[in-house]
């Protein structure tokens, strides 16, 4: 079992750039996970047609986002949570593509913002793998 001193030592051993990425990912997925429940009606509209149970998909992805946050907070589970959030991010990318391709269905969202979301997905993936210690491996950097 980890003591408070060993946790503090592990935290201070993490480079600043990894801590910044981890902090961003924690904030992003905490707010996003909560938004899946507070704004479920709006999120259902970006689910591509043809996918079954869009509301359930929104709720499940929100639960997985919040579980990922909990996993990132626990050093023992951080890398596994990182991999889970990478997979989740890849799974929700089609919704962002759908929203961009059908921007006329979302008049409240400017077209540049819809397009910006796609490269932003790459930044999110990068921040996840760096912040969670998936890459570069902490034991190798």
Protein backbone atom coordinates (compact mmCIF):
# COMPACT_ATOMS: atom_id res chain seq x y z
CA UNK A 1 0.00 0.00 0.00
CA UNK A 2 1.32 3.44 -0.92
CA UNK A 3 2.03 5.93 1.79
CA UNK A 4 1.40 9.64 1.41
CA UNK A 5 5.16 10.23 1.15
CA UNK A 6 5.55 7.70 -1.68
CA UNK A 7 2.60 9.24 -3.53
CA UNK A 8 4.13 12.69 -3.16
CA UNK A 9 7.48 11.39 -4.41
CA UNK A 10 5.85 9.75 -7.44
CA UNK A 11 3.93 12.94 -8.21
CA UNK A 12 7.05 15.09 -8.01
CA UNK A 13 8.92 12.59 -10.21
CA UNK A 14 6.44 13.23 -13.03
CA UNK A 15 7.83 15.85 -15.44
CA UNK A 16 5.93 19.13 -15.68
CA UNK A 17 4.86 18.48 -19.28
CA UNK A 18 3.32 15.15 -18.31
CA UNK A 19 1.52 16.79 -15.37
CA UNK A 20 0.17 19.49 -17.72
CA UNK A 21 -1.16 16.87 -20.15
CA UNK A 22 -2.65 14.86 -17.30
CA UNK A 23 -4.32 17.96 -15.85
CA UNK A 24 -5.80 18.86 -19.24
CA UNK A 25 -7.13 15.32 -19.75
CA UNK A 26 -8.61 15.20 -16.25
CA UNK A 27 -10.39 18.52 -16.77
CA UNK A 28 -11.53 17.70 -20.32
CA UNK A 29 -13.04 14.32 -19.47
CA UNK A 30 -14.51 15.43 -16.14
CA UNK A 31 -16.39 18.28 -17.80
CA UNK A 32 -17.22 16.16 -20.84
CA UNK A 33 -18.45 13.24 -18.76
CA UNK A 34 -20.72 15.48 -16.71
CA UNK A 35 -21.97 17.20 -19.88
CA UNK A 36 -23.10 13.82 -21.24
CA UNK A 37 -25.74 13.81 -18.52
CA UNK A 38 -26.56 17.52 -18.24
CA UNK A 39 -26.83 18.04 -22.01
CA UNK A 40 -27.81 14.56 -23.16
CA UNK A 41 -30.53 15.91 -25.48
CA UNK A 42 -28.00 18.03 -27.40
CA UNK A 43 -25.43 15.24 -27.50
CA UNK A 44 -27.94 12.77 -28.91
CA UNK A 45 -28.25 15.00 -32.00
CA UNK A 46 -24.61 14.43 -33.00
CA UNK A 47 -24.89 10.64 -32.97
CA UNK A 48 -24.84 9.50 -36.62
CA UNK A 49 -28.21 8.11 -37.73
CA UNK A 50 -28.32 4.37 -37.94
CA UNK A 51 -26.54 3.80 -34.65
CA UNK A 52 -28.96 2.10 -32.28
CA UNK A 53 -29.93 3.65 -28.95
CA UNK A 54 -28.27 7.06 -29.28
CA UNK A 55 -29.26 8.23 -25.78
CA UNK A 56 -27.77 5.09 -24.27
CA UNK A 57 -24.60 5.70 -26.31
CA UNK A 58 -24.36 9.21 -24.85
CA UNK A 59 -24.85 7.97 -21.29
CA UNK A 60 -22.45 5.04 -21.65
CA UNK A 61 -19.74 7.24 -23.15
CA UNK A 62 -20.27 9.72 -20.29
CA UNK A 63 -19.88 6.93 -17.73
CA UNK A 64 -16.70 5.72 -19.44
CA UNK A 65 -15.29 9.26 -19.51
CA UNK A 66 -15.84 9.60 -15.76
CA UNK A 67 -14.45 6.11 -15.08
CA UNK A 68 -11.39 7.11 -17.11
CA UNK A 69 -10.95 10.17 -14.90
CA UNK A 70 -11.10 8.02 -11.76
CA UNK A 71 -8.57 5.62 -13.28
CA UNK A 72 -6.21 8.49 -14.13
CA UNK A 73 -6.34 9.66 -10.52
CA UNK A 74 -5.14 6.25 -9.31
CA UNK A 75 -1.47 5.79 -10.28
CA UNK A 76 -1.82 2.02 -10.31
CA UNK A 77 -4.58 2.24 -12.96
CA UNK A 78 -3.38 5.32 -14.85
CA UNK A 79 -1.91 3.59 -17.91
CA UNK A 80 -4.92 1.28 -18.32
CA UNK A 81 -7.28 4.26 -17.96
CA UNK A 82 -5.21 6.07 -20.57
CA UNK A 83 -5.63 3.23 -23.04
CA UNK A 84 -9.36 3.19 -22.29
CA UNK A 85 -9.67 6.92 -22.97
CA UNK A 86 -7.70 6.54 -26.21
CA UNK A 87 -10.17 3.88 -27.36
CA UNK A 88 -13.13 5.96 -26.23
CA UNK A 89 -11.82 9.03 -28.07
CA UNK A 90 -11.41 6.99 -31.24
CA UNK A 91 -14.93 5.57 -30.84
CA UNK A 92 -16.56 9.00 -30.55
CA UNK A 93 -14.63 10.52 -33.46
CA UNK A 94 -17.32 9.45 -35.99
CA UNK A 95 -19.79 11.70 -34.14
CA UNK A 96 -17.44 14.65 -34.63
CA UNK A 97 -17.00 13.79 -38.31
CA UNK A 98 -20.78 13.47 -38.71
CA UNK A 99 -21.28 16.84 -37.05
CA UNK A 100 -18.72 18.45 -39.37
CA UNK A 101 -20.18 16.88 -42.51
CA UNK A 102 -23.72 17.90 -41.52
CA UNK A 103 -22.93 21.33 -40.11
CA UNK A 104 -26.18 22.75 -41.47
CA UNK A 105 -28.00 20.63 -38.89
CA UNK A 106 -26.10 22.50 -36.15
CA UNK A 107 -26.63 26.19 -36.97
CA UNK A 108 -25.61 27.33 -33.49
CA UNK A 109 -22.08 25.93 -34.00
CA UNK A 110 -19.79 27.83 -36.40
CA UNK A 111 -18.31 25.78 -39.25
CA UNK A 112 -14.72 26.60 -38.24
CA UNK A 113 -15.39 25.12 -34.79
CA UNK A 114 -16.78 21.93 -36.29
CA UNK A 115 -13.66 21.58 -38.45
CA UNK A 116 -11.36 22.50 -35.56
CA UNK A 117 -12.70 19.58 -33.52
CA UNK A 118 -11.08 17.04 -35.84
CA UNK A 119 -7.43 18.09 -35.37
CA UNK A 120 -8.26 18.75 -31.72
CA UNK A 121 -8.98 15.01 -31.42
CA UNK A 122 -5.30 14.42 -32.28
CA UNK A 123 -4.22 16.78 -29.49
CA UNK A 124 -6.54 15.01 -27.05
CA UNK A 125 -5.08 11.62 -28.01
CA UNK A 126 -1.56 13.02 -27.57
CA UNK A 127 -2.41 14.50 -24.17
CA UNK A 128 -3.95 11.20 -23.04
CA UNK A 129 -0.97 9.03 -23.97
CA UNK A 130 1.53 11.50 -22.48
CA UNK A 131 -0.47 12.36 -19.35
CA UNK A 132 -1.37 8.75 -18.58
CA UNK A 133 2.19 7.55 -19.10
CA UNK A 134 1.24 5.36 -22.04
CA UNK A 135 3.97 7.08 -24.09
CA UNK A 136 6.73 7.73 -23.52
CA UNK A 137 6.82 5.10 -20.83
CA UNK A 138 7.76 6.69 -17.52
CA UNK A 139 10.34 4.00 -16.84
CA UNK A 140 12.05 4.96 -20.12
CA UNK A 141 12.09 8.76 -19.89
